[in-house]
Amino acid sequence: MQYLRDNQDMIDPIVYTTAMSPYTSRILKIVDPNREVFKTVLFQNACYVFEIKEEDILHLVKDVSRFRNRDIRRTVLLDPKPVNYMMAPENSIPVFEYTAEFNTDNQDNHLLNLIEELEEIKDLEDVRPALKEKFKVREILKNSKLI
């Protein structure tokens, strides 16, 4: 949280979740009780429904490209579910699902690595070419037939 506070001039974190409002609100009361960091929160109703009934497939999909009040060139989606990268693969950084595991120094290595990733791109005018080159999300989605 301190990293996000320290970089508020460069980073505008948004909670974008497939969860419903009451659940997310309870967690935010613990994580960011005064809403100093996460000023914008999008819930389940801001997701698209991706459904194939014949195959019993149902996903709620996040789409950062629909944010008309945000610059898509500077938008990054951090999510552990590859299905959420479908709508804007060049804006995506794959992350591990949070498990509250820490190393022997009581640090979250995944979070520390993520901070390094954000540091590498935070000054770029357009993050998409760097993310495309580094993570190759579109290629991975095509190979897995998600797009």
N, C-alpha and C. Protein backbone atom coordinates (compact mmCIF):
# COMPACT_ATOMS: atom_id res chain seq x y z
N MET A 1 0.82 -1.19 0.00
CA MET A 1 0.00 0.00 0.00
C MET A 1 0.86 1.26 0.00
N GLN A 2 1.98 1.18 0.69
CA GLN A 2 2.84 2.36 0.75
C GLN A 2 3.35 2.74 -0.63
N TYR A 3 3.68 1.74 -1.44
CA TYR A 3 4.14 2.02 -2.80
C TYR A 3 3.07 2.78 -3.58
N LEU A 4 1.83 2.38 -3.46
CA LEU A 4 0.74 3.06 -4.17
C LEU A 4 0.54 4.48 -3.64
N ARG A 5 0.66 4.65 -2.33
CA ARG A 5 0.56 6.00 -1.76
C ARG A 5 1.69 6.90 -2.27
N ASP A 6 2.89 6.35 -2.29
CA ASP A 6 4.06 7.12 -2.70
C ASP A 6 4.04 7.49 -4.18
N ASN A 7 3.27 6.78 -4.98
CA ASN A 7 3.26 6.99 -6.42
C ASN A 7 1.91 7.45 -6.96
N GLN A 8 1.14 8.11 -6.13
CA GLN A 8 -0.19 8.55 -6.54
C GLN A 8 -0.16 9.51 -7.72
N ASP A 9 0.94 10.19 -7.92
CA ASP A 9 1.02 11.09 -9.07
C ASP A 9 1.17 10.33 -10.38
N MET A 10 1.59 9.06 -10.32
CA MET A 10 1.81 8.25 -11.52
C MET A 10 0.83 7.08 -11.64
N ILE A 11 0.32 6.62 -10.51
CA ILE A 11 -0.51 5.42 -10.50
C ILE A 11 -1.86 5.73 -9.86
N ASP A 12 -2.92 5.38 -10.57
CA ASP A 12 -4.28 5.54 -10.08
C ASP A 12 -4.90 4.14 -9.97
N PRO A 13 -4.69 3.45 -8.85
CA PRO A 13 -5.16 2.07 -8.75
C PRO A 13 -6.69 2.00 -8.65
N ILE A 14 -7.23 1.06 -9.39
CA ILE A 14 -8.67 0.82 -9.39
C ILE A 14 -8.89 -0.62 -8.95
N VAL A 15 -9.80 -0.83 -8.05
CA VAL A 15 -10.20 -2.19 -7.73
C VAL A 15 -11.27 -2.55 -8.75
N TYR A 16 -10.99 -3.59 -9.53
CA TYR A 16 -11.91 -4.07 -10.56
C TYR A 16 -12.11 -5.54 -10.27
N THR A 17 -13.27 -5.89 -9.76
CA THR A 17 -13.48 -7.22 -9.25
C THR A 17 -14.75 -7.86 -9.81
N THR A 18 -14.74 -9.17 -9.86
CA THR A 18 -15.94 -9.91 -10.25
C THR A 18 -16.82 -10.18 -9.03
N ALA A 19 -16.37 -9.74 -7.88
CA ALA A 19 -17.14 -9.93 -6.65
C ALA A 19 -18.27 -8.90 -6.55
N MET A 20 -19.19 -9.17 -5.66
CA MET A 20 -20.28 -8.24 -5.44
C MET A 20 -19.85 -7.16 -4.44
N SER A 21 -20.56 -6.07 -4.46
CA SER A 21 -20.22 -4.90 -3.68
C SER A 21 -20.05 -5.15 -2.17
N PRO A 22 -20.97 -5.85 -1.50
CA PRO A 22 -20.82 -6.00 -0.04
C PRO A 22 -19.51 -6.69 0.37
N TYR A 23 -19.14 -7.73 -0.37
CA TYR A 23 -17.92 -8.46 -0.06
C TYR A 23 -16.70 -7.56 -0.24
N THR A 24 -16.62 -6.88 -1.38
CA THR A 24 -15.49 -6.01 -1.68
C THR A 24 -15.41 -4.85 -0.69
N SER A 25 -16.53 -4.29 -0.36
CA SER A 25 -16.56 -3.17 0.59
C SER A 25 -16.00 -3.57 1.95
N ARG A 26 -16.33 -4.78 2.38
CA ARG A 26 -15.79 -5.26 3.67
C ARG A 26 -14.27 -5.39 3.62
N ILE A 27 -13.77 -5.91 2.54
CA ILE A 27 -12.32 -6.07 2.42
C ILE A 27 -11.64 -4.70 2.35
N LEU A 28 -12.23 -3.79 1.58
CA LEU A 28 -11.63 -2.45 1.48
C LEU A 28 -11.63 -1.72 2.81
N LYS A 29 -12.61 -1.99 3.67
CA LYS A 29 -12.61 -1.35 5.00
C LYS A 29 -11.40 -1.78 5.82
N ILE A 30 -10.89 -2.96 5.52
CA ILE A 30 -9.70 -3.46 6.22
C ILE A 30 -8.43 -2.96 5.53
N VAL A 31 -8.37 -3.09 4.22
CA VAL A 31 -7.17 -2.79 3.45
C VAL A 31 -6.93 -1.28 3.28
N ASP A 32 -8.01 -0.54 3.03
CA ASP A 32 -7.90 0.89 2.75
C ASP A 32 -9.11 1.59 3.37
N PRO A 33 -9.16 1.63 4.71
CA PRO A 33 -10.37 2.11 5.40
C PRO A 33 -10.79 3.53 5.07
N ASN A 34 -9.84 4.40 4.77
CA ASN A 34 -10.17 5.80 4.45
C ASN A 34 -10.22 6.07 2.95
N ARG A 35 -10.11 5.01 2.16
CA ARG A 35 -10.13 5.09 0.70
C ARG A 35 -9.12 6.12 0.19
N GLU A 36 -7.93 6.05 0.76
CA GLU A 36 -6.84 6.93 0.35
C GLU A 36 -6.17 6.44 -0.93
N VAL A 37 -6.19 5.13 -1.14
CA VAL A 37 -5.49 4.55 -2.28
C VAL A 37 -6.48 4.15 -3.38
N PHE A 38 -7.48 3.37 -3.02
CA PHE A 38 -8.44 2.86 -4.00
C PHE A 38 -9.68 3.74 -4.03
N LYS A 39 -9.58 4.78 -4.82
CA LYS A 39 -10.69 5.75 -4.90
C LYS A 39 -11.80 5.28 -5.84
N THR A 40 -11.44 4.44 -6.80
CA THR A 40 -12.41 3.92 -7.76
C THR A 40 -12.52 2.42 -7.57
N VAL A 41 -13.76 1.94 -7.49
CA VAL A 41 -14.01 0.51 -7.32
C VAL A 41 -15.09 0.10 -8.32
N LEU A 42 -14.80 -0.93 -9.09
CA LEU A 42 -15.75 -1.49 -10.04
C LEU A 42 -16.06 -2.92 -9.63
N PHE A 43 -17.34 -3.26 -9.66
CA PHE A 43 -17.79 -4.56 -9.17
C PHE A 43 -18.25 -5.45 -10.32
N GLN A 44 -18.88 -6.54 -9.94
CA GLN A 44 -19.40 -7.54 -10.86
C GLN A 44 -20.21 -6.93 -12.01
N ASN A 45 -20.99 -5.91 -11.71
CA ASN A 45 -21.85 -5.32 -12.74
C ASN A 45 -21.06 -4.55 -13.80
N ALA A 46 -19.76 -4.34 -13.60
CA ALA A 46 -18.92 -3.67 -14.59
C ALA A 46 -18.19 -4.67 -15.49
N CYS A 47 -18.50 -5.95 -15.33
CA CYS A 47 -17.88 -7.01 -16.12
C CYS A 47 -18.82 -7.46 -17.23
N TYR A 48 -18.23 -8.00 -18.28
CA TYR A 48 -19.01 -8.62 -19.34
C TYR A 48 -19.27 -10.08 -18.99
N VAL A 49 -20.39 -10.59 -19.42
CA VAL A 49 -20.70 -12.01 -19.24
C VAL A 49 -20.24 -12.74 -20.51
N PHE A 50 -19.37 -13.70 -20.32
CA PHE A 50 -18.90 -14.56 -21.41
C PHE A 50 -19.47 -15.94 -21.13
N GLU A 51 -20.39 -16.37 -21.99
CA GLU A 51 -21.09 -17.63 -21.72
C GLU A 51 -21.22 -18.46 -22.98
N ILE A 52 -20.95 -19.75 -22.84
CA ILE A 52 -21.22 -20.75 -23.87
C ILE A 52 -22.04 -21.84 -23.18
N LYS A 53 -23.34 -21.75 -23.31
CA LYS A 53 -24.24 -22.63 -22.57
C LYS A 53 -24.02 -24.10 -22.91
N GLU A 54 -23.82 -24.38 -24.21
CA GLU A 54 -23.65 -25.78 -24.62
C GLU A 54 -22.44 -26.44 -23.97
N GLU A 55 -21.47 -25.65 -23.60
CA GLU A 55 -20.25 -26.18 -23.00
C GLU A 55 -20.15 -25.89 -21.51
N ASP A 56 -21.23 -25.34 -20.95
CA ASP A 56 -21.30 -25.03 -19.52
C ASP A 56 -20.15 -24.10 -19.09
N ILE A 57 -19.92 -23.07 -19.91
CA ILE A 57 -18.86 -22.09 -19.63
C ILE A 57 -19.52 -20.76 -19.29
N LEU A 58 -19.11 -20.21 -18.17
CA LEU A 58 -19.61 -18.89 -17.76
C LEU A 58 -18.48 -18.16 -17.03
N HIS A 59 -18.11 -17.01 -17.56
CA HIS A 59 -17.08 -16.17 -16.95
C HIS A 59 -17.56 -14.73 -16.90
N LEU A 60 -17.19 -14.04 -15.87
CA LEU A 60 -17.33 -12.59 -15.84
C LEU A 60 -15.97 -12.05 -16.27
N VAL A 61 -15.96 -11.24 -17.31
CA VAL A 61 -14.71 -10.78 -17.91
C VAL A 61 -14.54 -9.28 -17.70
N LYS A 62 -13.35 -8.90 -17.26
CA LYS A 62 -13.01 -7.49 -17.05
C LYS A 62 -12.50 -6.90 -18.36
N ASP A 63 -12.86 -5.66 -18.62
CA ASP A 63 -12.44 -5.00 -19.85
C ASP A 63 -11.97 -3.58 -19.55
N VAL A 64 -10.66 -3.40 -19.44
CA VAL A 64 -10.12 -2.07 -19.16
C VAL A 64 -10.19 -1.15 -20.37
N SER A 65 -10.40 -1.70 -21.56
CA SER A 65 -10.48 -0.86 -22.75
C SER A 65 -11.77 -0.04 -22.78
N ARG A 66 -12.71 -0.37 -21.95
CA ARG A 66 -13.97 0.38 -21.93
C ARG A 66 -13.92 1.62 -21.03
N PHE A 67 -12.81 1.83 -20.33
CA PHE A 67 -12.68 3.00 -19.46
C PHE A 67 -12.49 4.25 -20.31
N ARG A 68 -13.52 4.98 -20.56
CA ARG A 68 -13.44 6.16 -21.42
C ARG A 68 -12.76 7.34 -20.71
N ASN A 69 -12.72 7.31 -19.41
CA ASN A 69 -12.10 8.40 -18.66
C ASN A 69 -10.65 8.08 -18.25
N ARG A 70 -10.09 7.03 -18.83
CA ARG A 70 -8.70 6.64 -18.55
C ARG A 70 -7.99 6.46 -19.89
N ASP A 71 -6.71 6.78 -19.92
CA ASP A 71 -5.90 6.62 -21.13
C ASP A 71 -5.47 5.16 -21.26
N ILE A 72 -5.95 4.49 -22.30
CA ILE A 72 -5.64 3.07 -22.49
C ILE A 72 -4.14 2.84 -22.66
N ARG A 73 -3.43 3.86 -23.11
CA ARG A 73 -1.97 3.73 -23.27
C ARG A 73 -1.26 3.62 -21.92
N ARG A 74 -1.92 4.04 -20.85
CA ARG A 74 -1.32 4.05 -19.52
C ARG A 74 -2.08 3.13 -18.56
N THR A 75 -2.93 2.27 -19.11
CA THR A 75 -3.76 1.39 -18.28
C THR A 75 -3.16 -0.01 -18.24
N VAL A 76 -3.13 -0.59 -17.03
CA VAL A 76 -2.59 -1.94 -16.84
C VAL A 76 -3.59 -2.75 -16.02
N LEU A 77 -3.87 -3.95 -16.50
CA LEU A 77 -4.73 -4.89 -15.77
C LEU A 77 -3.84 -5.94 -15.12
N LEU A 78 -3.94 -6.04 -13.81
CA LEU A 78 -3.22 -7.07 -13.05
C LEU A 78 -4.27 -8.07 -12.60
N ASP A 79 -4.15 -9.31 -13.08
CA ASP A 79 -5.18 -10.28 -12.76
C ASP A 79 -4.60 -11.69 -12.86
N PRO A 80 -5.03 -12.59 -11.96
CA PRO A 80 -4.52 -13.96 -12.04
C PRO A 80 -5.28 -14.85 -13.04
N LYS A 81 -6.39 -14.36 -13.61
CA LYS A 81 -7.20 -15.19 -14.50
C LYS A 81 -7.01 -14.76 -15.95
N PRO A 82 -6.40 -15.63 -16.78
CA PRO A 82 -6.14 -15.28 -18.17
C PRO A 82 -7.38 -14.87 -18.97
N VAL A 83 -8.54 -15.36 -18.63
CA VAL A 83 -9.75 -14.99 -19.36
C VAL A 83 -9.98 -13.48 -19.31
N ASN A 84 -9.49 -12.84 -18.27
CA ASN A 84 -9.67 -11.39 -18.13
C ASN A 84 -8.76 -10.57 -19.05
N TYR A 85 -7.81 -11.20 -19.69
CA TYR A 85 -6.91 -10.49 -20.61
C TYR A 85 -7.49 -10.40 -22.01
N MET A 86 -8.57 -11.11 -22.29
CA MET A 86 -9.11 -11.22 -23.65
C MET A 86 -9.38 -9.88 -24.31
N MET A 87 -9.93 -8.94 -23.57
CA MET A 87 -10.38 -7.69 -24.16
C MET A 87 -9.25 -6.68 -24.38
N ALA A 88 -8.16 -6.81 -23.64
CA ALA A 88 -7.03 -5.87 -23.78
C ALA A 88 -5.72 -6.59 -23.43
N PRO A 89 -5.32 -7.55 -24.26
CA PRO A 89 -4.14 -8.35 -23.90
C PRO A 89 -2.86 -7.55 -23.75
N GLU A 90 -2.70 -6.47 -24.54
CA GLU A 90 -1.47 -5.68 -24.45
C GLU A 90 -1.43 -4.79 -23.21
N ASN A 91 -2.50 -4.75 -22.48
CA ASN A 91 -2.55 -3.96 -21.25
C ASN A 91 -2.46 -4.85 -20.00
N SER A 92 -2.11 -6.11 -20.18
CA SER A 92 -2.21 -7.07 -19.09
C SER A 92 -0.86 -7.53 -18.56
N ILE A 93 -0.81 -7.65 -17.25
CA ILE A 93 0.33 -8.26 -16.56
C ILE A 93 -0.22 -9.45 -15.79
N PRO A 94 0.15 -10.66 -16.20
CA PRO A 94 -0.29 -11.84 -15.44
C PRO A 94 0.33 -11.81 -14.04
N VAL A 95 -0.48 -12.11 -13.05
CA VAL A 95 -0.01 -12.17 -11.67
C VAL A 95 -0.49 -13.46 -11.03
N PHE A 96 0.16 -13.83 -9.95
CA PHE A 96 -0.28 -14.98 -9.19
C PHE A 96 -1.47 -14.61 -8.33
N GLU A 97 -2.32 -15.58 -8.09
CA GLU A 97 -3.43 -15.34 -7.18
C GLU A 97 -2.86 -15.13 -5.78
N TYR A 98 -3.43 -14.18 -5.07
CA TYR A 98 -2.94 -13.86 -3.73
C TYR A 98 -3.20 -15.01 -2.78
N THR A 99 -2.16 -15.45 -2.07
CA THR A 99 -2.29 -16.57 -1.13
C THR A 99 -1.84 -16.21 0.28
N ALA A 100 -1.41 -14.97 0.48
CA ALA A 100 -0.93 -14.51 1.79
C ALA A 100 0.30 -15.28 2.25
N GLU A 101 1.11 -15.74 1.29
CA GLU A 101 2.35 -16.42 1.63
C GLU A 101 3.50 -15.42 1.64
N PHE A 102 4.36 -15.55 2.61
CA PHE A 102 5.49 -14.65 2.76
C PHE A 102 6.78 -15.44 2.82
N ASN A 103 7.90 -14.80 2.49
CA ASN A 103 9.19 -15.46 2.59
C ASN A 103 9.69 -15.40 4.04
N THR A 104 10.90 -15.85 4.25
CA THR A 104 11.43 -15.89 5.61
C THR A 104 11.62 -14.50 6.21
N ASP A 105 11.70 -13.47 5.38
CA ASP A 105 11.82 -12.09 5.86
C ASP A 105 10.46 -11.44 6.07
N ASN A 106 9.40 -12.26 6.01
CA ASN A 106 8.02 -11.78 6.17
C ASN A 106 7.64 -10.78 5.06
N GLN A 107 8.10 -11.06 3.85
CA GLN A 107 7.79 -10.22 2.70
C GLN A 107 7.05 -11.05 1.65
N ASP A 108 6.20 -10.40 0.89
CA ASP A 108 5.46 -11.02 -0.19
C ASP A 108 6.29 -10.86 -1.47
N ASN A 109 7.00 -11.92 -1.87
CA ASN A 109 7.88 -11.84 -3.04
C ASN A 109 7.14 -11.48 -4.32
N HIS A 110 5.94 -12.01 -4.48
CA HIS A 110 5.17 -11.72 -5.69
C HIS A 110 4.84 -10.23 -5.77
N LEU A 111 4.48 -9.65 -4.65
CA LEU A 111 4.17 -8.23 -4.63
C LEU A 111 5.43 -7.40 -4.90
N LEU A 112 6.54 -7.79 -4.34
CA LEU A 112 7.79 -7.07 -4.58
C LEU A 112 8.18 -7.14 -6.06
N ASN A 113 7.98 -8.30 -6.69
CA ASN A 113 8.27 -8.43 -8.12
C ASN A 113 7.33 -7.56 -8.95
N LEU A 114 6.09 -7.48 -8.53
CA LEU A 114 5.12 -6.66 -9.23
C LEU A 114 5.50 -5.18 -9.15
N ILE A 115 5.97 -4.76 -8.00
CA ILE A 115 6.43 -3.37 -7.86
C ILE A 115 7.57 -3.10 -8.84
N GLU A 116 8.48 -4.05 -9.00
CA GLU A 116 9.57 -3.90 -9.97
C GLU A 116 9.02 -3.75 -11.39
N GLU A 117 8.01 -4.55 -11.72
CA GLU A 117 7.39 -4.47 -13.06
C GLU A 117 6.77 -3.09 -13.27
N LEU A 118 6.07 -2.60 -12.28
CA LEU A 118 5.43 -1.28 -12.39
C LEU A 118 6.47 -0.17 -12.49
N GLU A 119 7.55 -0.32 -11.76
CA GLU A 119 8.62 0.68 -11.83
C GLU A 119 9.21 0.77 -13.24
N GLU A 120 9.31 -0.38 -13.91
CA GLU A 120 9.88 -0.41 -15.25
C GLU A 120 9.00 0.34 -16.27
N ILE A 121 7.70 0.37 -16.05
CA ILE A 121 6.80 0.95 -17.06
C ILE A 121 6.14 2.25 -16.64
N LYS A 122 6.27 2.65 -15.40
CA LYS A 122 5.46 3.78 -14.92
C LYS A 122 5.74 5.10 -15.62
N ASP A 123 6.90 5.28 -16.22
CA ASP A 123 7.22 6.53 -16.90
C ASP A 123 6.96 6.47 -18.42
N LEU A 124 6.54 5.32 -18.92
CA LEU A 124 6.30 5.18 -20.36
C LEU A 124 5.03 5.91 -20.77
N GLU A 125 5.08 6.53 -21.92
CA GLU A 125 3.89 7.20 -22.45
C GLU A 125 2.85 6.17 -22.86
N ASP A 126 3.32 5.02 -23.37
CA ASP A 126 2.43 3.94 -23.78
C ASP A 126 3.03 2.63 -23.26
N VAL A 127 2.35 2.00 -22.31
CA VAL A 127 2.87 0.77 -21.68
C VAL A 127 2.68 -0.46 -22.56
N ARG A 128 1.79 -0.37 -23.53
CA ARG A 128 1.41 -1.56 -24.31
C ARG A 128 2.55 -2.23 -25.06
N PRO A 129 3.41 -1.49 -25.77
CA PRO A 129 4.51 -2.19 -26.46
C PRO A 129 5.43 -2.95 -25.49
N ALA A 130 5.72 -2.35 -24.35
CA ALA A 130 6.59 -3.01 -23.37
C ALA A 130 5.92 -4.26 -22.80
N LEU A 131 4.64 -4.15 -22.47
CA LEU A 131 3.93 -5.31 -21.92
C LEU A 131 3.76 -6.40 -22.97
N LYS A 132 3.48 -6.00 -24.19
CA LYS A 132 3.34 -6.97 -25.29
C LYS A 132 4.62 -7.77 -25.47
N GLU A 133 5.74 -7.07 -25.49
CA GLU A 133 7.04 -7.72 -25.68
C GLU A 133 7.41 -8.63 -24.51
N LYS A 134 7.18 -8.15 -23.31
CA LYS A 134 7.63 -8.90 -22.13
C LYS A 134 6.74 -10.10 -21.81
N PHE A 135 5.42 -9.91 -21.88
CA PHE A 135 4.52 -10.97 -21.42
C PHE A 135 3.86 -11.79 -22.52
N LYS A 136 3.83 -11.26 -23.74
CA LYS A 136 3.29 -11.99 -24.90
C LYS A 136 1.90 -12.57 -24.63
N VAL A 137 1.07 -11.80 -23.97
CA VAL A 137 -0.25 -12.27 -23.56
C VAL A 137 -1.12 -12.63 -24.76
N ARG A 138 -1.11 -11.82 -25.80
CA ARG A 138 -1.93 -12.12 -26.98
C ARG A 138 -1.55 -13.48 -27.56
N GLU A 139 -0.26 -13.75 -27.69
CA GLU A 139 0.20 -15.04 -28.23
C GLU A 139 -0.25 -16.20 -27.35
N ILE A 140 -0.14 -16.01 -26.06
CA ILE A 140 -0.56 -17.07 -25.12
C ILE A 140 -2.06 -17.32 -25.23
N LEU A 141 -2.85 -16.25 -25.33
CA LEU A 141 -4.30 -16.41 -25.47
C LEU A 141 -4.66 -17.09 -26.79
N LYS A 142 -3.96 -16.74 -27.86
CA LYS A 142 -4.22 -17.39 -29.15
C LYS A 142 -3.86 -18.87 -29.09
N ASN A 143 -2.71 -19.18 -28.51
CA ASN A 143 -2.28 -20.59 -28.40
C ASN A 143 -3.24 -21.41 -27.53
N SER A 144 -3.83 -20.78 -26.56
CA SER A 144 -4.77 -21.51 -25.68
C SER A 144 -6.21 -21.44 -26.23
N LYS A 145 -6.37 -20.75 -27.39
CA LYS A 145 -7.65 -20.62 -28.08
C LYS A 145 -8.68 -19.81 -27.27
N LEU A 146 -8.19 -18.92 -26.41
CA LEU A 146 -9.10 -18.00 -25.71
C LEU A 146 -9.47 -16.83 -26.60
N ILE A 147 -8.61 -16.52 -27.59
CA ILE A 147 -8.97 -15.51 -28.59
C ILE A 147 -8.61 -16.03 -29.96
